[in-house]
Amino acid sequence: MTALLRAVLWDMDGTLVDTEPYWMAAETPLVERFGGSWTHEQSLKLIGLGLDDAARLFQDAGVRMTVPDIVDHLTDDVMRQLATEGVPFRPGARDLLAGLREAGIKTALVTMSMRRMARSVVDLIDFDAFDVVVAGDDVTRPKPFPDPYLQACELLGVHPGETVAIEDSPNGLRSAVAAGTVALGVPNIISLEGVGARGIWPTLAGRTAGDVQAFHADHAAGARR
């Protein structure tokens, strides 16, 4: 018997909201303040990475700050941009999220951003969007380890195979696949080919809760094996 879809697990940065340009805009001035340089290619390597791991790469680039101070600085900068520029939802993401809620399917936000930033995004959504929020400071091991998605499933009371995880980054997909979810890639800036997703949609625009349920039904058996 095919397991029913009981929950959809959402990555935040680059999947639900297109904040990657905000992160990139915060990174270059930080490195340059310490006399270093920072390229677009270096920024791409951080997508989907835990913030502590990213902070260590900034230290390698010459940023003479502690890991917590780097994380706080970047988080504050991105939150400032969100407050002034607004929350840029990815195409179709808000409508799909609302449709899932209307269909009675549980939802979780699983992000490596700090909880205070995740809450600031969630609080700007004009409906009750998530049953659970798992943030970077809630887990011992970040993506690409399976821990964030396993923690979300435990909090929701569901088996990973009963969920679809939506991700835009290779690290995020590796985490979702390792946790045993039915992983769906929706690329934003970088390719997701060959990472292990059960499927890749070019966009969420026009997608419905029924589409996600059908995707899960088609791939759940393989995820459980």
C-alpha atoms as a PDB file:
ATOM      1  CA  MET A   1       0.000   0.000   0.000  1.00  0.00           C
ATOM      2  CA  THR A   2       1.417   3.406  -0.962  1.00  0.00           C
ATOM      3  CA  ALA A   3       1.979   5.763   1.967  1.00  0.00           C
ATOM      4  CA  LEU A   4      -0.103   8.921   1.911  1.00  0.00           C
ATOM      5  CA  LEU A   5       1.517  12.334   1.903  1.00  0.00           C
ATOM      6  CA  ARG A   6       1.275  13.658   5.456  1.00  0.00           C
ATOM      7  CA  ALA A   7       3.656  16.609   5.392  1.00  0.00           C
ATOM      8  CA  VAL A   8       5.663  18.894   3.121  1.00  0.00           C
ATOM      9  CA  LEU A   9       9.014  20.153   4.397  1.00  0.00           C
ATOM     10  CA  TRP A  10      10.246  23.454   2.963  1.00  0.00           C
ATOM     11  CA  ASP A  11      13.716  24.854   2.739  1.00  0.00           C
ATOM     12  CA  MET A  12      13.643  28.645   3.111  1.00  0.00           C
ATOM     13  CA  ASP A  13      16.472  30.560   1.418  1.00  0.00           C
ATOM     14  CA  GLY A  14      16.243  30.070  -2.336  1.00  0.00           C
ATOM     15  CA  THR A  15      13.226  27.752  -2.137  1.00  0.00           C
ATOM     16  CA  LEU A  16      10.418  29.545  -0.320  1.00  0.00           C
ATOM     17  CA  VAL A  17      11.976  33.005  -0.601  1.00  0.00           C
ATOM     18  CA  ASP A  18      14.665  34.247  -2.971  1.00  0.00           C
ATOM     19  CA  THR A  19      17.010  35.655  -0.331  1.00  0.00           C
ATOM     20  CA  GLU A  20      20.211  34.380  -1.935  1.00  0.00           C
ATOM     21  CA  PRO A  21      20.918  37.827  -3.490  1.00  0.00           C
ATOM     22  CA  TYR A  22      20.541  39.340  -0.004  1.00  0.00           C
ATOM     23  CA  TRP A  23      23.125  36.922   1.408  1.00  0.00           C
ATOM     24  CA  MET A  24      25.505  37.625  -1.452  1.00  0.00           C
ATOM     25  CA  ALA A  25      25.093  41.373  -0.953  1.00  0.00           C
ATOM     26  CA  ALA A  26      26.060  40.938   2.711  1.00  0.00           C
ATOM     27  CA  GLU A  27      29.105  38.750   2.080  1.00  0.00           C
ATOM     28  CA  THR A  28      31.318  40.852  -0.178  1.00  0.00           C
ATOM     29  CA  PRO A  29      31.465  43.989   2.026  1.00  0.00           C
ATOM     30  CA  LEU A  30      32.285  41.833   5.046  1.00  0.00           C
ATOM     31  CA  VAL A  31      35.309  40.237   3.378  1.00  0.00           C
ATOM     32  CA  GLU A  32      36.443  43.507   1.821  1.00  0.00           C
ATOM     33  CA  ARG A  33      36.380  45.205   5.235  1.00  0.00           C
ATOM     34  CA  PHE A  34      39.296  42.955   6.191  1.00  0.00           C
ATOM     35  CA  GLY A  35      41.183  43.555   2.967  1.00  0.00           C
ATOM     36  CA  GLY A  36      40.114  40.391   1.181  1.00  0.00           C
ATOM     37  CA  SER A  37      38.156  39.676  -1.972  1.00  0.00           C
ATOM     38  CA  TRP A  38      35.051  37.553  -2.489  1.00  0.00           C
ATOM     39  CA  THR A  39      33.839  36.138  -5.781  1.00  0.00           C
ATOM     40  CA  HIS A  40      30.452  35.020  -7.055  1.00  0.00           C
ATOM     41  CA  GLU A  41      31.850  31.483  -7.311  1.00  0.00           C
ATOM     42  CA  GLN A  42      32.730  31.526  -3.607  1.00  0.00           C
ATOM     43  CA  SER A  43      29.210  32.689  -2.792  1.00  0.00           C
ATOM     44  CA  LEU A  44      27.729  29.807  -4.766  1.00  0.00           C
ATOM     45  CA  LYS A  45      29.635  27.307  -2.629  1.00  0.00           C
ATOM     46  CA  LEU A  46      27.805  28.560   0.472  1.00  0.00           C
ATOM     47  CA  ILE A  47      24.304  27.874  -0.827  1.00  0.00           C
ATOM     48  CA  GLY A  48      22.649  25.320   1.443  1.00  0.00           C
ATOM     49  CA  LEU A  49      25.630  25.207   3.815  1.00  0.00           C
ATOM     50  CA  GLY A  50      25.260  25.520   7.584  1.00  0.00           C
ATOM     51  CA  LEU A  51      26.072  29.033   8.797  1.00  0.00           C
ATOM     52  CA  ASP A  52      28.859  27.914  11.128  1.00  0.00           C
ATOM     53  CA  ASP A  53      30.565  26.099   8.260  1.00  0.00           C
ATOM     54  CA  ALA A  54      30.098  29.153   6.043  1.00  0.00           C
ATOM     55  CA  ALA A  55      31.572  31.398   8.733  1.00  0.00           C
ATOM     56  CA  ARG A  56      34.732  29.305   8.811  1.00  0.00           C
ATOM     57  CA  LEU A  57      35.135  29.868   5.075  1.00  0.00           C
ATOM     58  CA  PHE A  58      34.938  33.599   5.699  1.00  0.00           C
ATOM     59  CA  GLN A  59      37.657  33.226   8.318  1.00  0.00           C
ATOM     60  CA  ASP A  60      39.757  31.435   5.691  1.00  0.00           C
ATOM     61  CA  ALA A  61      39.147  34.455   3.425  1.00  0.00           C
ATOM     62  CA  GLY A  62      40.628  36.756   6.071  1.00  0.00           C
ATOM     63  CA  VAL A  63      37.627  37.850   8.146  1.00  0.00           C
ATOM     64  CA  ARG A  64      39.026  38.331  11.652  1.00  0.00           C
ATOM     65  CA  MET A  65      35.855  37.669  13.601  1.00  0.00           C
ATOM     66  CA  THR A  66      34.595  34.719  15.614  1.00  0.00           C
ATOM     67  CA  VAL A  67      32.208  32.240  14.004  1.00  0.00           C
ATOM     68  CA  PRO A  68      29.226  33.453  16.105  1.00  0.00           C
ATOM     69  CA  ASP A  69      30.017  37.092  15.289  1.00  0.00           C
ATOM     70  CA  ILE A  70      30.172  36.353  11.555  1.00  0.00           C
ATOM     71  CA  VAL A  71      26.861  34.481  11.703  1.00  0.00           C
ATOM     72  CA  ASP A  72      25.217  37.319  13.642  1.00  0.00           C
ATOM     73  CA  HIS A  73      26.617  39.978  11.295  1.00  0.00           C
ATOM     74  CA  LEU A  74      25.381  38.267   8.132  1.00  0.00           C
ATOM     75  CA  THR A  75      22.007  37.423   9.678  1.00  0.00           C
ATOM     76  CA  ASP A  76      21.496  41.023  10.804  1.00  0.00           C
ATOM     77  CA  ASP A  77      22.414  42.319   7.348  1.00  0.00           C
ATOM     78  CA  VAL A  78      19.995  39.977   5.563  1.00  0.00           C
ATOM     79  CA  MET A  79      17.220  40.751   8.057  1.00  0.00           C
ATOM     80  CA  ARG A  80      17.795  44.472   7.427  1.00  0.00           C
ATOM     81  CA  GLN A  81      17.409  43.893   3.687  1.00  0.00           C
ATOM     82  CA  LEU A  82      14.233  41.878   4.272  1.00  0.00           C
ATOM     83  CA  ALA A  83      12.813  44.726   6.363  1.00  0.00           C
ATOM     84  CA  THR A  84      13.603  47.361   3.743  1.00  0.00           C
ATOM     85  CA  GLU A  85      13.180  45.436   0.484  1.00  0.00           C
ATOM     86  CA  GLY A  86      10.456  42.982   1.524  1.00  0.00           C
ATOM     87  CA  VAL A  87      10.180  39.184   1.397  1.00  0.00           C
ATOM     88  CA  PRO A  88      10.751  37.994  -2.208  1.00  0.00           C
ATOM     89  CA  PHE A  89       8.768  34.759  -2.505  1.00  0.00           C
ATOM     90  CA  ARG A  90       9.903  32.348  -5.207  1.00  0.00           C
ATOM     91  CA  PRO A  91       7.378  32.032  -8.059  1.00  0.00           C
ATOM     92  CA  GLY A  92       4.424  29.903  -6.971  1.00  0.00           C
ATOM     93  CA  ALA A  93       5.797  29.188  -3.493  1.00  0.00           C
ATOM     94  CA  ARG A  94       3.307  31.214  -1.457  1.00  0.00           C
ATOM     95  CA  ASP A  95       0.297  29.897  -3.413  1.00  0.00           C
ATOM     96  CA  LEU A  96       1.458  26.287  -3.098  1.00  0.00           C
ATOM     97  CA  LEU A  97       2.096  26.690   0.609  1.00  0.00           C
ATOM     98  CA  ALA A  98      -1.388  28.134   1.092  1.00  0.00           C
ATOM     99  CA  GLY A  99      -2.879  25.299  -0.953  1.00  0.00           C
ATOM    100  CA  LEU A 100      -1.168  22.678   1.176  1.00  0.00           C
ATOM    101  CA  ARG A 101      -2.540  24.291   4.326  1.00  0.00           C
ATOM    102  CA  GLU A 102      -6.033  24.366   2.839  1.00  0.00           C
ATOM    103  CA  ALA A 103      -5.695  20.661   1.982  1.00  0.00           C
ATOM    104  CA  GLY A 104      -4.865  19.850   5.608  1.00  0.00           C
ATOM    105  CA  ILE A 105      -1.302  18.724   4.861  1.00  0.00           C
ATOM    106  CA  LYS A 106       1.201  19.499   7.598  1.00  0.00           C
ATOM    107  CA  THR A 107       4.093  21.806   6.774  1.00  0.00           C
ATOM    108  CA  ALA A 108       7.495  22.497   8.282  1.00  0.00           C
ATOM    109  CA  LEU A 109      10.167  25.079   7.526  1.00  0.00           C
ATOM    110  CA  VAL A 110      13.618  23.477   7.604  1.00  0.00           C
ATOM    111  CA  THR A 111      16.315  26.107   7.198  1.00  0.00           C
ATOM    112  CA  MET A 112      19.949  26.595   8.110  1.00  0.00           C
ATOM    113  CA  SER A 113      19.304  30.285   8.766  1.00  0.00           C
ATOM    114  CA  MET A 114      19.052  31.360  12.387  1.00  0.00           C
ATOM    115  CA  ARG A 115      15.688  30.936  14.106  1.00  0.00           C
ATOM    116  CA  ARG A 116      15.260  34.685  14.584  1.00  0.00           C
ATOM    117  CA  MET A 117      15.559  35.213  10.841  1.00  0.00           C
ATOM    118  CA  ALA A 118      13.259  32.292  10.034  1.00  0.00           C
ATOM    119  CA  ARG A 119      10.664  33.700  12.433  1.00  0.00           C
ATOM    120  CA  SER A 120      10.931  37.127  10.803  1.00  0.00           C
ATOM    121  CA  VAL A 121      10.080  35.588   7.426  1.00  0.00           C
ATOM    122  CA  VAL A 122       7.282  33.416   8.816  1.00  0.00           C
ATOM    123  CA  ASP A 123       5.761  36.384  10.665  1.00  0.00           C
ATOM    124  CA  LEU A 124       5.479  38.287   7.369  1.00  0.00           C
ATOM    125  CA  ILE A 125       3.339  35.556   5.776  1.00  0.00           C
ATOM    126  CA  ASP A 126      -0.311  36.552   6.022  1.00  0.00           C
ATOM    127  CA  PHE A 127      -1.607  33.123   7.059  1.00  0.00           C
ATOM    128  CA  ASP A 128      -0.656  30.356   9.499  1.00  0.00           C
ATOM    129  CA  ALA A 129       1.979  28.828   7.247  1.00  0.00           C
ATOM    130  CA  PHE A 130       3.928  26.236   9.268  1.00  0.00           C
ATOM    131  CA  ASP A 131       3.287  23.709  12.013  1.00  0.00           C
ATOM    132  CA  VAL A 132       7.001  23.486  12.823  1.00  0.00           C
ATOM    133  CA  VAL A 133      10.134  25.567  12.253  1.00  0.00           C
ATOM    134  CA  VAL A 134      13.565  23.897  12.463  1.00  0.00           C
ATOM    135  CA  ALA A 135      16.401  26.407  12.114  1.00  0.00           C
ATOM    136  CA  GLY A 136      20.167  26.255  11.980  1.00  0.00           C
ATOM    137  CA  ASP A 137      20.581  26.954  15.683  1.00  0.00           C
ATOM    138  CA  ASP A 138      18.140  24.134  16.553  1.00  0.00           C
ATOM    139  CA  VAL A 139      20.263  21.265  15.222  1.00  0.00           C
ATOM    140  CA  THR A 140      23.613  19.752  16.169  1.00  0.00           C
ATOM    141  CA  ARG A 141      24.565  18.788  12.614  1.00  0.00           C
ATOM    142  CA  PRO A 142      23.437  21.006   9.719  1.00  0.00           C
ATOM    143  CA  LYS A 143      22.574  20.126   6.150  1.00  0.00           C
ATOM    144  CA  PRO A 144      23.874  18.070   4.295  1.00  0.00           C
ATOM    145  CA  PHE A 145      23.468  15.794   7.342  1.00  0.00           C
ATOM    146  CA  PRO A 146      19.951  14.330   7.674  1.00  0.00           C
ATOM    147  CA  ASP A 147      19.414  15.741  11.180  1.00  0.00           C
ATOM    148  CA  PRO A 148      17.346  18.849  10.291  1.00  0.00           C
ATOM    149  CA  TYR A 149      14.780  16.878   8.293  1.00  0.00           C
ATOM    150  CA  LEU A 150      14.684  14.023  10.789  1.00  0.00           C
ATOM    151  CA  GLN A 151      14.051  16.544  13.562  1.00  0.00           C
ATOM    152  CA  ALA A 152      11.214  18.128  11.610  1.00  0.00           C
ATOM    153  CA  CYS A 153       9.607  14.733  11.001  1.00  0.00           C
ATOM    154  CA  GLU A 154       9.873  13.842  14.675  1.00  0.00           C
ATOM    155  CA  LEU A 155       8.242  17.115  15.709  1.00  0.00           C
ATOM    156  CA  LEU A 156       5.445  16.594  13.186  1.00  0.00           C
ATOM    157  CA  GLY A 157       4.958  12.962  14.198  1.00  0.00           C
ATOM    158  CA  VAL A 158       5.433  11.624  10.667  1.00  0.00           C
ATOM    159  CA  HIS A 159       7.733   9.122   8.982  1.00  0.00           C
ATOM    160  CA  PRO A 160      10.196  10.706   6.499  1.00  0.00           C
ATOM    161  CA  GLY A 161       8.763   8.524   3.743  1.00  0.00           C
ATOM    162  CA  GLU A 162       5.399  10.198   4.298  1.00  0.00           C
ATOM    163  CA  THR A 163       6.839  13.592   3.395  1.00  0.00           C
ATOM    164  CA  VAL A 164       8.024  15.610   0.419  1.00  0.00           C
ATOM    165  CA  ALA A 165      11.002  17.911   1.038  1.00  0.00           C
ATOM    166  CA  ILE A 166      11.396  20.858  -1.344  1.00  0.00           C
ATOM    167  CA  GLU A 167      14.951  22.137  -1.839  1.00  0.00           C
ATOM    168  CA  ASP A 168      16.932  24.410  -4.155  1.00  0.00           C
ATOM    169  CA  SER A 169      20.502  23.420  -3.208  1.00  0.00           C
ATOM    170  CA  PRO A 170      22.644  20.287  -3.531  1.00  0.00           C
ATOM    171  CA  ASN A 171      23.460  20.325   0.194  1.00  0.00           C
ATOM    172  CA  GLY A 172      19.797  20.636   1.075  1.00  0.00           C
ATOM    173  CA  LEU A 173      18.828  17.795  -1.230  1.00  0.00           C
ATOM    174  CA  ARG A 174      21.561  15.586   0.199  1.00  0.00           C
ATOM    175  CA  SER A 175      20.107  16.218   3.652  1.00  0.00           C
ATOM    176  CA  ALA A 176      16.563  15.445   2.505  1.00  0.00           C
ATOM    177  CA  VAL A 177      17.622  12.286   0.665  1.00  0.00           C
ATOM    178  CA  ALA A 178      19.692  11.043   3.604  1.00  0.00           C
ATOM    179  CA  ALA A 179      16.715  11.543   5.914  1.00  0.00           C
ATOM    180  CA  GLY A 180      14.529   9.340   3.694  1.00  0.00           C
ATOM    181  CA  THR A 181      12.106  11.996   2.482  1.00  0.00           C
ATOM    182  CA  VAL A 182      10.769  12.116  -1.061  1.00  0.00           C
ATOM    183  CA  ALA A 183      13.101  14.894  -2.175  1.00  0.00           C
ATOM    184  CA  LEU A 184      11.953  17.423  -4.780  1.00  0.00           C
ATOM    185  CA  GLY A 185      14.448  19.827  -6.330  1.00  0.00           C
ATOM    186  CA  VAL A 186      13.411  23.270  -7.548  1.00  0.00           C
ATOM    187  CA  PRO A 187      16.625  24.886  -8.827  1.00  0.00           C
ATOM    188  CA  ASN A 188      17.261  28.555  -8.322  1.00  0.00           C
ATOM    189  CA  ILE A 189      20.902  29.524  -8.933  1.00  0.00           C
ATOM    190  CA  ILE A 190      22.768  26.227  -9.252  1.00  0.00           C
ATOM    191  CA  SER A 191      22.071  22.901 -10.952  1.00  0.00           C
ATOM    192  CA  LEU A 192      20.553  20.030  -8.979  1.00  0.00           C
ATOM    193  CA  GLU A 193      21.313  17.285 -11.471  1.00  0.00           C
ATOM    194  CA  GLY A 194      22.913  14.141 -10.054  1.00  0.00           C
ATOM    195  CA  VAL A 195      22.275  14.968  -6.395  1.00  0.00           C
ATOM    196  CA  GLY A 196      19.639  12.290  -5.784  1.00  0.00           C
ATOM    197  CA  ALA A 197      16.332  14.159  -5.950  1.00  0.00           C
ATOM    198  CA  ARG A 198      13.317  12.004  -6.804  1.00  0.00           C
ATOM    199  CA  GLY A 199      12.345  14.689  -9.267  1.00  0.00           C
ATOM    200  CA  ILE A 200      13.163  18.219 -10.368  1.00  0.00           C
ATOM    201  CA  TRP A 201      10.575  20.869 -11.176  1.00  0.00           C
ATOM    202  CA  PRO A 202      11.858  23.996 -12.929  1.00  0.00           C
ATOM    203  CA  THR A 203       9.405  26.140 -10.941  1.00  0.00           C
ATOM    204  CA  LEU A 204       6.606  25.954  -8.392  1.00  0.00           C
ATOM    205  CA  ALA A 205       4.493  28.394 -10.407  1.00  0.00           C
ATOM    206  CA  GLY A 206       1.136  26.822 -11.189  1.00  0.00           C
ATOM    207  CA  ARG A 207       1.757  23.809  -8.959  1.00  0.00           C
ATOM    208  CA  THR A 208      -0.957  22.670  -6.552  1.00  0.00           C
ATOM    209  CA  ALA A 209      -1.262  20.507  -3.463  1.00  0.00           C
ATOM    210  CA  GLY A 210      -2.624  17.801  -5.758  1.00  0.00           C
ATOM    211  CA  ASP A 211       0.551  17.932  -7.842  1.00  0.00           C
ATOM    212  CA  VAL A 212       2.687  17.401  -4.733  1.00  0.00           C
ATOM    213  CA  GLN A 213       0.458  14.536  -3.601  1.00  0.00           C
ATOM    214  CA  ALA A 214       0.805  12.906  -7.029  1.00  0.00           C
ATOM    215  CA  PHE A 215       4.574  13.392  -6.973  1.00  0.00           C
ATOM    216  CA  HIS A 216       4.747  11.720  -3.563  1.00  0.00           C
ATOM    217  CA  ALA A 217       2.542   8.829  -4.645  1.00  0.00           C
ATOM    218  CA  ASP A 218       4.780   8.208  -7.667  1.00  0.00           C
ATOM    219  CA  HIS A 219       8.007   8.148  -5.661  1.00  0.00           C
ATOM    220  CA  ALA A 220       7.206   7.166  -2.047  1.00  0.00           C
ATOM    221  CA  ALA A 221       7.902   3.460  -2.544  1.00  0.00           C
ATOM    222  CA  GLY A 222      11.391   4.188  -3.822  1.00  0.00           C
ATOM    223  CA  ALA A 223      12.123   6.530  -0.912  1.00  0.00           C
ATOM    224  CA  ARG A 224      11.155   3.882   1.627  1.00  0.00           C
ATOM    225  CA  ARG A 225      13.366   1.164   0.141  1.00  0.00           C
END
